[in-house]
Protein backbone atom coordinates (compact mmCIF):
# COMPACT_ATOMS: atom_id res chain seq x y z
CA UNK A 1 -40.45 -67.49 -32.27
CA UNK A 2 -36.59 -67.85 -32.47
CA UNK A 3 -34.52 -65.68 -35.05
CA UNK A 4 -31.27 -66.31 -36.56
CA UNK A 5 -29.38 -63.28 -38.14
CA UNK A 6 -26.10 -63.58 -40.28
CA UNK A 7 -25.24 -59.75 -40.70
CA UNK A 8 -23.24 -58.45 -43.63
CA UNK A 9 -22.52 -55.50 -45.56
CA UNK A 10 -23.73 -56.55 -48.76
CA UNK A 11 -26.22 -59.23 -47.77
CA UNK A 12 -27.93 -60.02 -44.21
CA UNK A 13 -29.83 -63.31 -43.96
CA UNK A 14 -32.54 -64.06 -41.43
CA UNK A 15 -34.71 -66.80 -40.41
CA UNK A 16 -37.52 -67.34 -38.05
CA UNK A 17 -38.36 -70.84 -36.39
CA UNK A 18 -41.34 -71.61 -34.30
CA UNK A 19 -41.17 -72.62 -30.65
CA UNK A 20 -40.74 -76.59 -32.03
CA UNK A 21 -37.76 -75.53 -34.07
CA UNK A 22 -39.76 -75.64 -37.34
CA UNK A 23 -39.13 -73.05 -40.01
CA UNK A 24 -41.61 -70.12 -40.21
CA UNK A 25 -40.04 -67.56 -42.65
CA UNK A 26 -36.51 -66.61 -43.94
CA UNK A 27 -34.95 -64.17 -46.23
CA UNK A 28 -32.22 -61.98 -47.35
CA UNK A 29 -31.62 -58.04 -46.94
CA UNK A 30 -29.64 -56.83 -50.00
CA UNK A 31 -27.74 -53.80 -49.04
CA UNK A 32 -26.51 -51.25 -51.69
CA UNK A 33 -24.91 -47.89 -51.90
CA UNK A 34 -22.14 -46.48 -49.89
CA UNK A 35 -21.23 -48.29 -46.78
CA UNK A 36 -23.04 -45.71 -44.61
CA UNK A 37 -25.97 -46.11 -46.73
CA UNK A 38 -25.96 -49.99 -46.54
CA UNK A 39 -25.63 -49.73 -42.77
CA UNK A 40 -28.64 -47.34 -42.71
CA UNK A 41 -30.26 -49.95 -44.93
CA UNK A 42 -29.42 -52.95 -42.68
CA UNK A 43 -30.75 -51.04 -39.63
CA UNK A 44 -34.11 -50.37 -40.92
CA UNK A 45 -34.45 -53.36 -42.86
CA UNK A 46 -33.84 -55.55 -39.59
CA UNK A 47 -36.33 -53.25 -37.75
CA UNK A 48 -38.94 -53.76 -40.55
CA UNK A 49 -38.33 -57.48 -40.70
CA UNK A 50 -38.65 -57.98 -36.88
CA UNK A 51 -41.59 -55.91 -36.88
CA UNK A 52 -43.44 -57.76 -39.69
CA UNK A 53 -42.27 -61.17 -37.71
CA UNK A 54 -43.65 -59.87 -34.47
CA UNK A 55 -47.00 -58.92 -36.12
CA UNK A 56 -47.23 -62.47 -37.68
CA UNK A 57 -45.69 -64.88 -34.98
CA UNK A 58 -45.28 -62.82 -31.63
CA UNK A 59 -42.20 -61.82 -29.52
CA UNK A 60 -39.14 -63.56 -30.25
CA UNK A 61 -37.99 -65.67 -27.41
CA UNK A 62 -34.41 -66.16 -28.37
CA UNK A 63 -32.25 -64.24 -31.02
CA UNK A 64 -28.98 -65.84 -32.64
CA UNK A 65 -26.70 -63.20 -34.21
CA UNK A 66 -23.60 -64.73 -35.97
CA UNK A 67 -20.64 -64.02 -34.03
CA UNK A 68 -18.18 -62.10 -36.32
CA UNK A 69 -15.64 -61.20 -33.79
CA UNK A 70 -14.20 -64.77 -33.71
CA UNK A 71 -12.84 -67.11 -36.25
CA UNK A 72 -12.55 -66.26 -39.69
CA UNK A 73 -13.77 -62.78 -39.44
CA UNK A 74 -10.96 -61.60 -37.03
CA UNK A 75 -9.18 -59.86 -40.03
CA UNK A 76 -12.44 -58.99 -41.70
CA UNK A 77 -12.27 -55.26 -40.56
CA UNK A 78 -14.15 -52.62 -39.11
CA UNK A 79 -16.85 -52.67 -41.81
CA UNK A 80 -18.03 -55.98 -40.98
CA UNK A 81 -17.75 -55.54 -37.26
CA UNK A 82 -20.04 -52.44 -37.65
CA UNK A 83 -22.62 -54.44 -39.45
CA UNK A 84 -22.51 -56.95 -36.64
CA UNK A 85 -22.85 -54.04 -34.26
CA UNK A 86 -25.90 -52.64 -36.05
CA UNK A 87 -27.60 -56.16 -35.81
CA UNK A 88 -26.94 -56.53 -32.08
CA UNK A 89 -28.17 -53.24 -31.31
CA UNK A 90 -31.54 -53.85 -32.68
CA UNK A 91 -31.89 -57.20 -31.60
CA UNK A 92 -30.36 -56.43 -28.11
CA UNK A 93 -33.84 -56.41 -26.21
CA UNK A 94 -34.18 -59.93 -26.71
CA UNK A 95 -32.15 -63.13 -25.30
CA UNK A 96 -29.20 -63.31 -27.41
CA UNK A 97 -27.02 -66.09 -28.36
CA UNK A 98 -23.65 -65.40 -30.36
CA UNK A 99 -22.35 -68.51 -31.97
CA UNK A 100 -20.15 -68.68 -34.96
CA UNK A 101 -21.54 -69.96 -38.22
CA UNK A 102 -19.25 -72.81 -38.36
CA UNK A 103 -20.57 -74.19 -34.81
CA UNK A 104 -24.01 -73.30 -35.78
CA UNK A 105 -24.09 -75.28 -38.92
CA UNK A 106 -22.26 -78.41 -37.55
CA UNK A 107 -24.61 -78.42 -34.47
CA UNK A 108 -27.70 -77.54 -36.52
CA UNK A 109 -27.02 -80.10 -39.10
CA UNK A 110 -26.40 -82.81 -36.72
CA UNK A 111 -29.45 -82.26 -35.02
CA UNK A 112 -31.55 -82.12 -38.30
CA UNK A 113 -30.24 -85.46 -39.13
CA UNK A 114 -31.31 -87.06 -35.81
CA UNK A 115 -34.70 -85.39 -35.67
CA UNK A 116 -36.70 -88.70 -36.44
CA UNK A 117 -38.53 -88.40 -33.43
CA UNK A 118 -40.85 -85.83 -34.95
CA UNK A 119 -41.47 -86.71 -38.58
CA UNK A 120 -42.58 -82.92 -39.12
CA UNK A 121 -39.27 -81.45 -37.69
CA UNK A 122 -37.17 -83.96 -39.85
CA UNK A 123 -39.40 -83.21 -43.07
CA UNK A 124 -38.80 -79.44 -42.49
CA UNK A 125 -35.14 -79.63 -41.72
CA UNK A 126 -34.56 -81.76 -44.94
CA UNK A 127 -36.58 -79.21 -46.99
CA UNK A 128 -34.51 -76.45 -45.55
CA UNK A 129 -31.08 -78.05 -46.35
CA UNK A 130 -31.99 -79.39 -49.40
CA UNK A 131 -33.14 -76.01 -50.56
CA UNK A 132 -30.01 -74.33 -49.28
CA UNK A 133 -27.62 -77.10 -50.57
CA UNK A 134 -29.55 -77.34 -54.07
CA UNK A 135 -29.61 -73.44 -54.55
CA UNK A 136 -33.27 -73.21 -55.21
CA UNK A 137 -33.66 -69.72 -54.11
CA UNK A 138 -32.23 -69.75 -50.56
CA UNK A 139 -28.84 -68.02 -50.37
CA UNK A 140 -25.80 -68.79 -48.18
CA UNK A 141 -26.68 -66.00 -45.86
CA UNK A 142 -30.50 -67.25 -45.61
CA UNK A 143 -29.10 -70.81 -44.89
CA UNK A 144 -26.75 -69.60 -42.27
CA UNK A 145 -29.55 -67.71 -40.54
CA UNK A 146 -31.49 -70.92 -40.62
CA UNK A 147 -28.54 -72.73 -39.05
CA UNK A 148 -28.14 -69.86 -36.55
CA UNK A 149 -31.98 -70.05 -35.53
CA UNK A 150 -31.86 -73.68 -35.28
CA UNK A 151 -28.85 -73.69 -33.03
CA UNK A 152 -30.61 -71.06 -30.64
CA UNK A 153 -33.54 -73.11 -30.71
CA UNK A 154 -31.27 -76.33 -29.65
CA UNK A 155 -29.66 -74.25 -26.94
CA UNK A 156 -32.75 -72.70 -25.54
CA UNK A 157 -34.64 -75.93 -25.24
CA UNK A 158 -31.88 -78.12 -24.60
CA UNK A 159 -32.11 -80.44 -27.82
CA UNK A 160 -28.80 -81.90 -29.03
């Protein structure tokens, strides 16, 4: 199982793919309250999500957490960096990749569009993107997490 996480202080997206790069589950953690309450909710929510995924699908082989220390997040402030740190601390026991969302989206989308060797992969990819882009219940953070997981899958299996 491969996990993608798009950490945030109001919404954190997550996604899980199987070893073939196909979607298993994805969702969002909605964080409310003061910043300290939101960070506690983020920590507990990620722990609960990971526990549930572990029980259903086994131990993650790779985790991609959006790197908020580069790119458009450089001036985002300590709060976003702290959320990033919370996500890293929880996922730190697993092999990690730290791509930016811009890189992950570009590479993942390119691979999805070329995934014609397996109709199952292609159909899953198209459904994921159609859902994300058409706004049928998949928010931006969740769609980003799907891209991050797909990027991790590609890097971990040398798919390009």
